[in-house]
Protein backbone atom coordinates (compact mmCIF):
# COMPACT_ATOMS: atom_id res chain seq x y z
CA UNK A 1 17.83 95.08 121.03
CA UNK A 2 18.76 91.40 121.29
CA UNK A 3 15.18 90.62 122.33
CA UNK A 4 13.74 92.53 119.43
CA UNK A 5 16.02 90.75 116.90
CA UNK A 6 14.97 87.44 118.52
CA UNK A 7 11.35 88.36 117.88
CA UNK A 8 12.00 89.24 114.26
CA UNK A 9 14.05 86.17 113.40
CA UNK A 10 12.86 83.54 115.78
CA UNK A 11 9.08 83.81 115.85
CA UNK A 12 7.66 80.97 113.69
CA UNK A 13 3.98 81.33 114.38
CA UNK A 14 2.23 83.96 112.25
CA UNK A 15 1.12 86.98 114.26
CA UNK A 16 -1.92 89.09 113.59
CA UNK A 17 -1.22 92.12 111.48
CA UNK A 18 -2.12 94.40 114.40
CA UNK A 19 0.78 93.23 116.47
CA UNK A 20 3.33 94.14 113.77
CA UNK A 21 2.52 97.81 113.95
CA UNK A 22 5.12 99.61 116.11
CA UNK A 23 3.75 100.41 119.52
CA UNK A 24 4.49 104.10 119.12
CA UNK A 25 1.97 104.29 116.19
CA UNK A 26 -0.88 102.90 118.20
CA UNK A 27 -3.14 99.91 117.59
CA UNK A 28 -5.07 101.37 114.63
CA UNK A 29 -3.91 103.14 111.49
CA UNK A 30 -5.33 106.67 111.56
CA UNK A 31 -6.08 108.97 108.66
CA UNK A 32 -4.29 112.19 109.47
CA UNK A 33 -6.26 114.21 106.94
CA UNK A 34 -7.99 117.15 108.65
CA UNK A 35 -11.73 116.65 108.77
CA UNK A 36 -12.43 119.90 106.86
CA UNK A 37 -10.34 118.68 103.91
CA UNK A 38 -11.84 115.24 103.94
CA UNK A 39 -15.36 116.64 103.87
CA UNK A 40 -14.43 118.89 101.00
CA UNK A 41 -13.03 115.94 99.12
CA UNK A 42 -16.34 114.08 99.60
CA UNK A 43 -18.31 117.13 98.27
CA UNK A 44 -21.53 116.25 96.59
CA UNK A 45 -24.57 118.22 95.57
CA UNK A 46 -26.94 116.23 97.66
CA UNK A 47 -26.70 114.23 100.87
CA UNK A 48 -26.10 110.49 100.36
CA UNK A 49 -26.41 107.86 103.09
CA UNK A 50 -22.82 106.77 102.63
CA UNK A 51 -21.70 110.27 103.83
CA UNK A 52 -22.21 109.19 107.41
CA UNK A 53 -19.56 106.43 107.08
CA UNK A 54 -16.75 108.93 107.40
CA UNK A 55 -18.04 110.22 110.74
CA UNK A 56 -18.67 106.65 111.89
CA UNK A 57 -15.08 105.79 111.16
CA UNK A 58 -13.80 108.92 113.05
CA UNK A 59 -16.08 107.88 115.94
CA UNK A 60 -14.64 104.33 116.04
CA UNK A 61 -11.06 105.75 115.99
CA UNK A 62 -11.86 108.02 118.97
CA UNK A 63 -13.45 105.11 120.92
CA UNK A 64 -10.69 102.55 120.20
CA UNK A 65 -7.81 104.86 120.81
CA UNK A 66 -8.28 108.56 121.42
CA UNK A 67 -5.28 110.92 121.80
CA UNK A 68 -6.01 111.80 125.37
CA UNK A 69 -6.58 108.75 127.60
CA UNK A 70 -3.61 106.92 126.09
CA UNK A 71 -1.44 109.68 127.61
CA UNK A 72 -2.44 108.43 131.06
CA UNK A 73 -0.96 104.95 130.73
CA UNK A 74 2.63 103.79 130.57
CA UNK A 75 4.42 104.42 127.27
CA UNK A 76 4.68 101.40 125.07
CA UNK A 77 8.21 100.29 124.29
CA UNK A 78 9.47 99.20 120.89
CA UNK A 79 11.99 96.83 122.51
CA UNK A 80 11.85 95.07 125.88
CA UNK A 81 13.97 96.55 128.71
CA UNK A 82 13.86 93.38 130.93
CA UNK A 83 11.29 95.15 133.24
CA UNK A 84 7.55 95.22 132.80
CA UNK A 85 6.61 93.77 129.44
CA UNK A 86 4.61 96.62 128.09
CA UNK A 87 4.07 95.20 124.63
CA UNK A 88 2.15 92.06 123.63
CA UNK A 89 5.15 91.04 121.53
CA UNK A 90 7.16 90.46 124.72
CA UNK A 91 4.89 88.04 126.58
CA UNK A 92 7.30 85.27 125.88
CA UNK A 93 10.45 85.28 123.77
CA UNK A 94 12.74 82.40 124.76
CA UNK A 95 13.77 80.39 127.79
CA UNK A 96 17.22 81.86 127.81
CA UNK A 97 15.86 85.47 127.96
CA UNK A 98 13.34 84.44 130.66
CA UNK A 99 16.25 83.15 132.81
CA UNK A 100 18.07 86.44 132.32
CA UNK A 101 14.88 88.23 133.37
CA UNK A 102 14.63 86.09 136.61
CA UNK A 103 18.27 86.90 137.45
CA UNK A 104 17.44 90.53 136.93
CA UNK A 105 14.48 90.33 139.33
CA UNK A 106 16.76 88.88 142.02
CA UNK A 107 19.34 91.58 141.52
CA UNK A 108 16.76 94.40 141.58
CA UNK A 109 14.69 93.21 144.50
CA UNK A 110 17.36 91.54 146.68
CA UNK A 111 20.32 93.87 146.22
CA UNK A 112 19.24 97.25 144.66
CA UNK A 113 15.97 97.66 146.56
CA UNK A 114 17.34 97.43 150.11
CA UNK A 115 20.21 99.77 149.25
CA UNK A 116 17.78 102.31 147.66
CA UNK A 117 15.37 102.16 150.49
CA UNK A 118 18.18 102.85 152.98
CA UNK A 119 19.42 105.78 151.00
CA UNK A 120 15.81 107.19 150.69
CA UNK A 121 15.39 106.89 154.46
CA UNK A 122 18.69 108.72 155.04
CA UNK A 123 17.67 111.45 152.61
CA UNK A 124 14.19 112.01 154.01
CA UNK A 125 15.35 111.96 157.60
CA UNK A 126 18.22 114.31 156.83
CA UNK A 127 15.78 116.65 155.08
CA UNK A 128 13.39 116.74 158.11
CA UNK A 129 16.13 117.14 160.71
CA UNK A 130 18.28 119.53 158.68
CA UNK A 131 15.46 121.92 157.75
CA UNK A 132 14.03 121.85 161.28
CA UNK A 133 17.41 122.91 162.70
CA UNK A 134 18.00 125.62 160.12
CA UNK A 135 14.44 126.90 160.68
CA UNK A 136 15.37 127.82 164.24
CA UNK A 137 17.92 130.36 163.03
CA UNK A 138 16.97 134.06 162.56
CA UNK A 139 16.34 135.21 159.00
CA UNK A 140 19.69 136.06 157.46
CA UNK A 141 21.93 135.24 154.48
CA UNK A 142 23.52 132.51 156.63
CA UNK A 143 20.16 130.84 157.14
CA UNK A 144 19.38 131.02 153.41
CA UNK A 145 22.77 129.52 152.60
CA UNK A 146 22.39 126.62 155.01
CA UNK A 147 18.88 125.99 153.83
CA UNK A 148 20.13 125.66 150.23
CA UNK A 149 22.96 123.33 151.34
CA UNK A 150 20.47 121.04 153.16
CA UNK A 151 17.98 120.95 150.25
CA UNK A 152 20.71 120.26 147.67
CA UNK A 153 22.44 117.61 149.77
CA UNK A 154 19.24 115.76 150.62
CA UNK A 155 17.91 115.94 147.06
CA UNK A 156 21.17 114.45 145.78
CA UNK A 157 20.91 111.58 148.21
CA UNK A 158 17.34 110.90 147.06
CA UNK A 159 18.45 110.93 143.44
CA UNK A 160 21.09 108.35 144.34
CA UNK A 161 18.32 106.28 145.94
CA UNK A 162 16.75 106.11 142.44
CA UNK A 163 20.09 105.44 140.66
CA UNK A 164 19.37 108.61 138.87
CA UNK A 165 21.47 109.61 135.94
CA UNK A 166 20.52 113.20 134.86
CA UNK A 167 21.96 115.28 132.07
CA UNK A 168 21.44 118.98 132.46
CA UNK A 169 21.69 121.16 129.36
CA UNK A 170 22.11 124.92 128.90
CA UNK A 171 22.74 125.73 132.52
CA UNK A 172 23.20 129.35 131.63
CA UNK A 173 19.41 129.56 131.43
CA UNK A 174 18.81 128.20 134.97
CA UNK A 175 15.95 129.91 136.81
CA UNK A 176 16.95 132.99 138.81
CA UNK A 177 15.58 134.36 142.10
CA UNK A 178 12.26 136.15 141.80
CA UNK A 179 11.36 134.12 138.68
CA UNK A 180 8.88 131.31 137.94
CA UNK A 181 10.13 127.93 136.75
CA UNK A 182 7.49 125.92 134.76
CA UNK A 183 8.07 122.33 133.53
CA UNK A 184 6.20 119.48 132.04
CA UNK A 185 5.04 116.92 134.59
CA UNK A 186 5.63 113.15 134.51
CA UNK A 187 6.27 112.11 138.07
CA UNK A 188 6.40 113.40 141.66
CA UNK A 189 10.16 112.92 141.45
CA UNK A 190 10.36 115.79 138.85
CA UNK A 191 10.78 118.18 141.81
CA UNK A 192 13.68 116.06 143.15
CA UNK A 193 15.25 115.93 139.69
CA UNK A 194 15.27 119.75 139.41
CA UNK A 195 16.20 120.38 143.08
CA UNK A 196 19.26 118.15 142.50
CA UNK A 197 20.68 121.05 140.42
CA UNK A 198 19.32 124.05 142.26
CA UNK A 199 16.92 125.19 144.95
CA UNK A 200 13.26 126.17 144.36
CA UNK A 201 10.26 127.31 146.38
CA UNK A 202 7.64 124.63 145.93
CA UNK A 203 3.95 125.36 145.51
CA UNK A 204 1.32 122.86 146.53
CA UNK A 205 -1.48 121.70 148.76
CA UNK A 206 -0.98 120.89 152.47
CA UNK A 207 -0.86 117.12 153.08
CA UNK A 208 -0.95 114.88 156.10
CA UNK A 209 1.23 111.91 157.11
CA UNK A 210 4.89 111.75 156.12
CA UNK A 211 4.41 114.31 153.35
CA UNK A 212 2.84 116.74 155.82
CA UNK A 213 5.82 116.28 158.22
CA UNK A 214 8.31 117.10 155.40
CA UNK A 215 6.18 120.14 154.34
CA UNK A 216 6.09 121.60 157.87
CA UNK A 217 9.81 121.06 158.32
CA UNK A 218 10.97 122.51 155.00
CA UNK A 219 8.77 125.61 155.15
CA UNK A 220 10.58 126.64 158.29
CA UNK A 221 13.93 126.90 156.42
CA UNK A 222 12.73 127.83 152.94
CA UNK A 223 9.85 130.08 151.64
CA UNK A 224 7.78 127.31 150.15
CA UNK A 225 4.12 128.24 149.38
CA UNK A 226 1.77 125.63 150.91
CA UNK A 227 -2.02 126.01 150.63
CA UNK A 228 -4.79 124.60 152.72
CA UNK A 229 -7.44 122.65 150.74
CA UNK A 230 -9.97 125.45 151.19
CA UNK A 231 -7.50 128.10 150.09
CA UNK A 232 -6.31 126.44 146.86
CA UNK A 233 -9.79 126.60 145.39
CA UNK A 234 -9.63 130.42 145.74
CA UNK A 235 -7.72 131.31 142.53
CA UNK A 236 -7.40 134.97 143.52
CA UNK A 237 -5.91 134.14 146.91
CA UNK A 238 -3.37 131.76 145.26
CA UNK A 239 -2.42 134.44 142.73
CA UNK A 240 -2.01 137.09 145.41
CA UNK A 241 0.35 134.91 147.48
CA UNK A 242 2.44 133.91 144.47
CA UNK A 243 2.73 137.59 143.34
CA UNK A 244 3.97 138.51 146.78
CA UNK A 245 6.59 135.81 146.53
CA UNK A 246 7.71 136.80 143.03
CA UNK A 247 7.84 140.49 144.01
CA UNK A 248 10.69 139.71 146.53
CA UNK A 249 13.76 139.23 144.30
CA UNK A 250 15.70 137.73 147.19
CA UNK A 251 13.46 134.64 147.34
CA UNK A 252 14.05 131.38 145.44
CA UNK A 253 12.33 130.89 142.08
CA UNK A 254 8.91 129.21 142.28
CA UNK A 255 8.62 125.78 140.81
CA UNK A 256 5.22 125.06 139.12
CA UNK A 257 3.90 122.26 137.03
CA UNK A 258 1.09 123.99 135.08
CA UNK A 259 -0.41 120.73 133.65
CA UNK A 260 -1.72 119.94 137.15
CA UNK A 261 -1.31 116.16 136.67
CA UNK A 262 1.25 113.56 135.51
CA UNK A 263 1.47 112.77 131.81
CA UNK A 264 3.23 109.72 130.46
CA UNK A 265 6.40 111.33 129.08
CA UNK A 266 5.14 111.37 125.46
CA UNK A 267 3.31 114.71 125.33
CA UNK A 268 2.61 118.00 127.01
CA UNK A 269 -1.01 118.90 127.71
CA UNK A 270 -2.81 122.20 128.40
CA UNK A 271 -1.07 124.56 130.81
CA UNK A 272 -3.30 126.21 133.38
CA UNK A 273 -3.26 129.93 132.87
CA UNK A 274 -2.97 130.85 136.57
CA UNK A 275 0.82 130.50 136.62
CA UNK A 276 1.07 132.94 133.76
CA UNK A 277 -1.12 135.71 135.28
CA UNK A 278 1.30 136.39 138.09
CA UNK A 279 3.79 138.37 136.08
CA UNK A 280 7.52 138.21 136.20
CA UNK A 281 9.91 136.10 134.17
CA UNK A 282 9.06 132.59 133.15
CA UNK A 283 11.87 130.00 133.02
CA UNK A 284 10.69 127.00 130.93
CA UNK A 285 12.23 123.64 131.64
CA UNK A 286 11.76 120.52 129.57
CA UNK A 287 12.19 117.06 131.24
CA UNK A 288 12.44 113.87 129.16
CA UNK A 289 12.81 110.43 130.79
CA UNK A 290 14.29 107.45 128.99
CA UNK A 291 11.88 104.50 129.49
CA UNK A 292 14.43 101.96 128.33
CA UNK A 293 15.84 101.95 131.91
CA UNK A 294 12.77 102.55 134.01
CA UNK A 295 9.29 103.99 133.70
CA UNK A 296 9.12 107.23 135.73
CA UNK A 297 5.43 107.93 134.91
CA UNK A 298 3.05 107.88 137.85
CA UNK A 299 -0.41 106.67 136.91
CA UNK A 300 -2.15 107.90 140.14
CA UNK A 301 -5.42 106.38 138.98
CA UNK A 302 -3.85 102.93 139.03
CA UNK A 303 -1.07 103.03 141.68
CA UNK A 304 -0.82 104.74 145.08
CA UNK A 305 2.34 106.53 146.00
CA UNK A 306 3.81 103.53 147.84
CA UNK A 307 3.26 101.19 144.95
CA UNK A 308 4.65 103.75 142.58
CA UNK A 309 7.87 104.27 144.62
CA UNK A 310 8.28 100.47 144.84
CA UNK A 311 8.08 100.21 141.04
CA UNK A 312 10.71 102.93 140.33
CA UNK A 313 12.99 101.66 143.10
CA UNK A 314 13.00 98.20 141.53
CA UNK A 315 13.68 99.52 138.01
CA UNK A 316 17.23 99.52 136.67
CA UNK A 317 17.74 103.31 136.88
CA UNK A 318 15.99 106.65 136.31
CA UNK A 319 17.66 108.32 133.36
CA UNK A 320 16.53 111.70 131.97
CA UNK A 321 17.55 114.84 130.17
CA UNK A 322 16.69 118.28 131.55
CA UNK A 323 16.83 121.31 129.25
CA UNK A 324 16.87 124.86 130.66
CA UNK A 325 15.18 127.04 128.03
CA UNK A 326 15.81 130.79 127.60
CA UNK A 327 13.61 132.97 129.83
CA UNK A 328 10.34 134.18 128.49
CA UNK A 329 8.18 137.23 129.33
CA UNK A 330 4.64 138.07 128.43
CA UNK A 331 4.40 140.15 125.22
CA UNK A 332 2.37 143.30 124.88
CA UNK A 333 -1.16 142.47 124.01
CA UNK A 334 -0.71 138.76 124.82
CA UNK A 335 -3.16 137.27 127.27
CA UNK A 336 -2.34 134.53 129.83
CA UNK A 337 -3.65 131.71 127.74
CA UNK A 338 -1.61 132.70 124.69
CA UNK A 339 1.48 133.09 126.82
CA UNK A 340 0.91 129.72 128.41
CA UNK A 341 0.52 128.08 125.00
CA UNK A 342 3.74 129.74 123.74
CA UNK A 343 5.71 128.43 126.72
CA UNK A 344 4.17 124.97 126.33
CA UNK A 345 5.21 124.86 122.65
CA UNK A 346 8.76 125.73 123.48
CA UNK A 347 8.89 122.95 126.08
CA UNK A 348 7.31 120.39 123.69
CA UNK A 349 9.74 121.17 120.86
CA UNK A 350 12.82 120.92 123.08
CA UNK A 351 11.73 117.71 124.78
CA UNK A 352 10.49 116.03 121.61
CA UNK A 353 7.03 115.75 123.08
CA UNK A 354 3.65 115.85 121.36
CA UNK A 355 1.76 119.10 122.07
CA UNK A 356 -1.93 118.53 122.89
CA UNK A 357 -4.50 121.19 123.66
CA UNK A 358 -6.51 119.00 126.06
CA UNK A 359 -6.84 119.63 129.81
CA UNK A 360 -5.06 117.01 131.89
CA UNK A 361 -8.10 117.16 134.21
CA UNK A 362 -9.66 114.67 131.73
CA UNK A 363 -7.68 112.04 133.53
CA UNK A 364 -10.37 111.90 136.19
CA UNK A 365 -13.24 114.03 134.85
CA UNK A 366 -15.72 113.55 132.11
CA UNK A 367 -15.81 115.86 129.04
CA UNK A 368 -18.12 118.81 129.59
CA UNK A 369 -21.36 118.88 127.56
CA UNK A 370 -20.38 122.32 126.25
CA UNK A 371 -17.28 120.82 124.59
CA UNK A 372 -19.37 118.09 122.97
CA UNK A 373 -21.87 120.66 121.69
CA UNK A 374 -19.09 122.76 120.22
CA UNK A 375 -17.71 119.78 118.26
CA UNK A 376 -21.28 118.95 117.01
CA UNK A 377 -21.62 122.51 115.78
CA UNK A 378 -18.31 122.25 113.97
CA UNK A 379 -19.39 119.08 112.22
CA UNK A 380 -22.72 120.64 111.20
CA UNK A 381 -20.93 123.73 109.80
CA UNK A 382 -18.58 121.57 107.74
CA UNK A 383 -21.47 119.59 106.28
CA UNK A 384 -23.53 122.66 105.45
CA UNK A 385 -20.54 124.57 104.06
CA UNK A 386 -19.70 121.83 101.68
CA UNK A 387 -23.26 121.23 100.50
CA UNK A 388 -23.58 117.72 101.89
CA UNK A 389 -26.96 118.60 103.44
CA UNK A 390 -29.53 120.44 101.53
């Protein structure tokens, strides 16, 4: 706040108008009028050359700043948090604030980072050793109890390694055994944030390296569902294995992130319908991080996992709110897509996130030609319907 006031009062040089627009509103001023209404307002008996200007403007808006790709970069901050300067207004403020920032760098890298790395090493080692030992026991209630103790204890150590401050709301709605927990996805640490308050059966692809060691150890003590790369492409096989897990009411609730990729904590994108075809009770969870203390978003296209962990371990803290929403079941006559959209809307409302219909797969894939053709047809229908083209 002090830095922001400094900008407002102390900046003597005139700034371009573009930089005065709050970061949350984007770099261009959009016309929020639906295209159908705008075309109706421009209704004319005959087509005029100037009619194309409206579509040109919409095209420029989409190129300069569309509503999808901006969700895959770090959220812009209205005020500087003495970390990464994510706004052009904060390139330089004053010598005094720069000195404070340098002191902060020393504290974060020389004191907090070594302590956090040590705690993370203790947590990961304890997880591997503990689950391996518990996995040697015969299946029983004692084994399940010890497995939950190990998972909870190690997850809480890892949260301490991030200086995590988590506020859990409506704990009476926590996911129950035999259910499916679905949540919005911002970071790989989402699973640790949730496991800090309860145990879940994870679902994911088999990995190699350190992650593979952790997966092989934990699955011995807990019924996680890991898939080989060849299996995960078989949707029917995945659905079958998940249904078998849900059918056993003694097993831990499954934790799934239906978006399939990390979004930057400002919105919720399309939920894959596979999670909602399994049946059973869905327990929605909304997770909202506070970027004033540290950016939890993982831009996997820009940073590898090591770089990402270094960034969050050198932030001030990871602060977030977690809301457990009332359980939801599929209504009669409702298909999986409609059910997924209903759950997504509930999560978006509770977390104060923007709801977007787009597939998070656009993070790495190009838009399909069929989608482009569909939009072209819609534009043509609007023009013909309103008499702009004879």
